[in-house]
Amino acid sequence: MNRIRTGLPIRLSTRVALVGLAALFAAVLTGCGAGQIAQTAVQEPAVNGNRTTINNIALRNVRIQAVQPNDFIQAGRTVELVLVAVNQSPDVADRLVGISSDIGTVTVTGDGRVPASGMLFIGRPDGQNVAPGPLDSNNAAKATVNLVKPISNGLTYNFTFTFEKAGQGSVSVPISAGLAPHEG
């Protein structure tokens, strides 16, 4: 009697090899995304200002807050500098010693201390009646710039911040008109 075989016998070593190849294929497919950085992991915050870090002091949302009625904000005007300085040190307080810029003299008034793990709010963001944040571990100050050069939207201007312990650092600062309506 003739036997007709419908399939070839698969040896044990061939089965092991096929299972190994399937496992390798699955590992390769799974590893395609491994080590990749998600797009949302490197997104910048949606704020009008710029940012920089000077040792333990992180400057965030640094901007000149002024409405530009013409082609330029003319020399002789005073504009406000707005930002938040965050002390990332858990145990060392710092103090803002000064701010300088080639577009004008910067005057800082108020308490320039940045408590350990606290913040220093400089300026008052448009639309807020008081400086944001809890008052017990934060300070507020004001910084105005008496312009010696005309400035314009769309450009950035170099400001240098000096802290007692963190040292000195520079950042390019844009102009933000804030929430005030534009007047003719």
Protein backbone atom coordinates (compact mmCIF):
# COMPACT_ATOMS: atom_id res chain seq x y z
CA MET A 1 0.00 0.00 0.00
CA ASN A 2 1.29 3.41 -0.94
CA ARG A 3 1.19 6.16 1.55
CA ILE A 4 0.87 9.71 0.40
CA ARG A 5 2.32 12.23 2.74
CA THR A 6 0.59 15.57 2.95
CA GLY A 7 3.40 17.43 4.72
CA LEU A 8 7.07 17.08 5.25
CA PRO A 9 8.22 16.06 8.67
CA ILE A 10 9.85 18.98 10.52
CA ARG A 11 12.72 18.01 12.68
CA LEU A 12 13.10 19.36 16.20
CA SER A 13 16.19 21.41 15.31
CA THR A 14 14.30 23.13 12.48
CA ARG A 15 11.43 23.95 14.83
CA VAL A 16 13.84 25.47 17.34
CA ALA A 17 15.45 27.51 14.55
CA LEU A 18 12.04 28.80 13.38
CA VAL A 19 11.02 29.77 16.92
CA GLY A 20 14.37 31.53 17.36
CA LEU A 21 13.92 33.45 14.11
CA ALA A 22 10.39 34.49 15.14
CA ALA A 23 11.70 35.70 18.50
CA LEU A 24 14.53 37.61 16.81
CA PHE A 25 12.08 39.20 14.35
CA ALA A 26 9.79 40.25 17.23
CA ALA A 27 12.73 41.74 19.13
CA VAL A 28 13.87 43.70 16.07
CA LEU A 29 10.38 45.09 15.49
CA THR A 30 9.98 46.00 19.15
CA GLY A 31 13.39 47.66 19.26
CA CYS A 32 12.68 49.99 16.32
CA GLY A 33 11.33 52.66 18.66
CA ALA A 34 13.71 51.97 21.53
CA GLY A 35 16.08 54.80 22.32
CA GLN A 36 14.06 57.34 20.37
CA ILE A 37 13.16 60.66 21.97
CA ALA A 38 9.48 61.47 21.86
CA GLN A 39 8.61 64.72 20.08
CA THR A 40 6.83 66.00 23.17
CA ALA A 41 9.95 65.44 25.31
CA VAL A 42 11.80 68.37 23.73
CA GLN A 43 9.00 70.86 23.12
CA GLU A 44 9.67 74.41 24.17
CA PRO A 45 7.17 76.19 26.39
CA ALA A 46 4.63 78.41 24.62
CA VAL A 47 5.69 81.72 26.14
CA ASN A 48 6.64 85.07 24.63
CA GLY A 49 10.05 85.33 26.26
CA ASN A 50 13.39 83.59 26.12
CA ARG A 51 15.16 81.46 28.72
CA THR A 52 18.61 80.60 30.02
CA THR A 53 20.21 78.97 33.04
CA ILE A 54 23.07 80.47 35.02
CA ASN A 55 24.39 77.71 37.28
CA ASN A 56 21.51 77.13 39.76
CA ILE A 57 19.39 80.08 38.58
CA ALA A 58 16.96 79.40 35.74
CA LEU A 59 15.65 82.53 34.01
CA ARG A 60 12.32 81.86 32.33
CA ASN A 61 10.02 83.87 30.03
CA VAL A 62 12.46 86.81 29.84
CA ARG A 63 10.95 89.60 27.76
CA ILE A 64 10.61 93.34 27.34
CA GLN A 65 6.96 94.21 27.88
CA ALA A 66 6.03 97.24 25.77
CA VAL A 67 3.50 98.28 23.15
CA GLN A 68 5.14 99.50 19.95
CA PRO A 69 2.95 102.30 18.50
CA ASN A 70 5.21 103.08 15.49
CA ASP A 71 8.09 101.54 13.60
CA PHE A 72 10.28 101.70 16.72
CA ILE A 73 10.03 102.30 20.44
CA GLN A 74 12.13 105.45 20.55
CA ALA A 75 15.13 106.17 22.75
CA GLY A 76 14.21 108.10 25.89
CA ARG A 77 11.21 105.89 26.68
CA THR A 78 11.12 103.55 29.66
CA VAL A 79 10.05 99.91 29.15
CA GLU A 80 9.57 97.09 31.61
CA LEU A 81 11.60 93.88 31.79
CA VAL A 82 9.54 90.84 32.86
CA LEU A 83 10.85 87.40 33.88
CA VAL A 84 10.92 84.70 36.53
CA ALA A 85 14.19 83.64 38.17
CA VAL A 86 13.96 80.14 39.67
CA ASN A 87 16.54 78.99 42.21
CA GLN A 88 17.12 75.29 41.53
CA SER A 89 19.34 74.87 44.59
CA PRO A 90 17.51 73.25 47.52
CA ASP A 91 19.68 74.90 50.17
CA VAL A 92 21.60 77.93 48.79
CA ALA A 93 19.81 81.26 48.44
CA ASP A 94 21.06 83.80 45.88
CA ARG A 95 20.53 87.46 45.05
CA LEU A 96 20.22 89.40 41.80
CA VAL A 97 23.04 91.95 41.86
CA GLY A 98 22.28 93.68 38.56
CA ILE A 99 21.07 93.61 34.98
CA SER A 100 22.77 95.39 32.09
CA SER A 101 22.04 95.91 28.40
CA ASP A 102 23.45 97.92 25.52
CA ILE A 103 19.97 99.32 24.72
CA GLY A 104 19.71 101.25 27.99
CA THR A 105 20.21 101.50 31.71
CA VAL A 106 18.36 98.83 33.67
CA THR A 107 17.09 99.85 37.11
CA VAL A 108 16.03 97.09 39.52
CA THR A 109 13.88 98.05 42.52
CA GLY A 110 12.54 95.77 45.24
CA ASP A 111 13.85 92.63 46.87
CA GLY A 112 16.30 90.85 44.55
CA ARG A 113 16.75 87.77 46.74
CA VAL A 114 16.04 84.37 45.20
CA PRO A 115 15.29 81.98 48.10
CA ALA A 116 16.55 78.40 47.97
CA SER A 117 14.00 76.40 45.93
CA GLY A 118 12.11 79.67 45.45
CA MET A 119 11.46 82.25 42.76
CA LEU A 120 12.02 85.91 42.07
CA PHE A 121 9.32 87.52 39.94
CA ILE A 122 10.62 90.57 38.09
CA GLY A 123 7.93 92.82 36.68
CA ARG A 124 4.23 92.24 36.57
CA PRO A 125 2.94 90.28 33.58
CA ASP A 126 0.23 92.18 31.73
CA GLY A 127 -3.24 91.33 32.99
CA GLN A 128 -2.18 90.46 36.56
CA ASN A 129 -2.71 92.72 39.55
CA VAL A 130 -0.10 91.07 41.78
CA ALA A 131 3.01 89.04 41.13
CA PRO A 132 2.11 85.36 40.57
CA GLY A 133 3.00 82.55 42.92
CA PRO A 134 2.90 81.91 46.66
CA LEU A 135 4.30 84.82 48.63
CA ASP A 136 6.01 82.94 51.48
CA SER A 137 8.89 81.42 49.47
CA ASN A 138 9.12 83.95 46.63
CA ASN A 139 10.10 87.58 46.12
CA ALA A 140 9.06 90.26 43.67
CA ALA A 141 11.01 93.12 42.13
CA LYS A 142 10.68 95.53 39.22
CA ALA A 143 13.13 96.17 36.38
CA THR A 144 12.80 99.11 34.00
CA VAL A 145 14.96 99.93 31.01
CA ASN A 146 15.56 103.58 30.11
CA LEU A 147 16.20 103.24 26.38
CA VAL A 148 19.26 104.88 24.81
CA LYS A 149 18.62 103.17 21.46
CA PRO A 150 15.38 102.57 19.56
CA ILE A 151 14.05 99.01 19.71
CA SER A 152 11.53 97.12 17.58
CA ASN A 153 9.40 93.96 17.63
CA GLY A 154 10.88 90.98 15.83
CA LEU A 155 14.40 91.67 17.10
CA THR A 156 16.10 90.49 20.28
CA TYR A 157 18.32 92.48 22.59
CA ASN A 158 21.18 91.22 24.73
CA PHE A 159 20.78 91.44 28.52
CA THR A 160 23.36 90.31 31.07
CA PHE A 161 22.18 89.14 34.50
CA THR A 162 24.56 89.07 37.47
CA PHE A 163 23.80 86.99 40.57
CA GLU A 164 25.77 87.02 43.81
CA LYS A 165 26.52 83.26 43.82
CA ALA A 166 25.42 81.92 40.42
CA GLY A 167 27.53 84.45 38.54
CA GLN A 168 26.83 86.11 35.24
CA GLY A 169 24.98 85.07 32.10
CA SER A 170 23.46 86.64 29.00
CA VAL A 171 20.24 86.06 27.12
CA SER A 172 18.68 87.52 23.96
CA VAL A 173 15.42 89.19 24.94
CA PRO A 174 12.45 89.81 22.62
CA ILE A 175 9.69 92.42 22.94
CA SER A 176 6.22 91.27 23.96
CA ALA A 177 3.32 93.69 23.61
CA GLY A 178 1.33 91.96 26.33
CA LEU A 179 -2.46 92.10 26.44
CA ALA A 180 -2.92 95.86 25.99
CA PRO A 181 -4.84 96.81 22.83
CA HIS A 182 -2.81 98.53 20.13
CA GLU A 183 -3.60 102.23 19.93
CA GLY A 184 -3.48 103.74 16.39
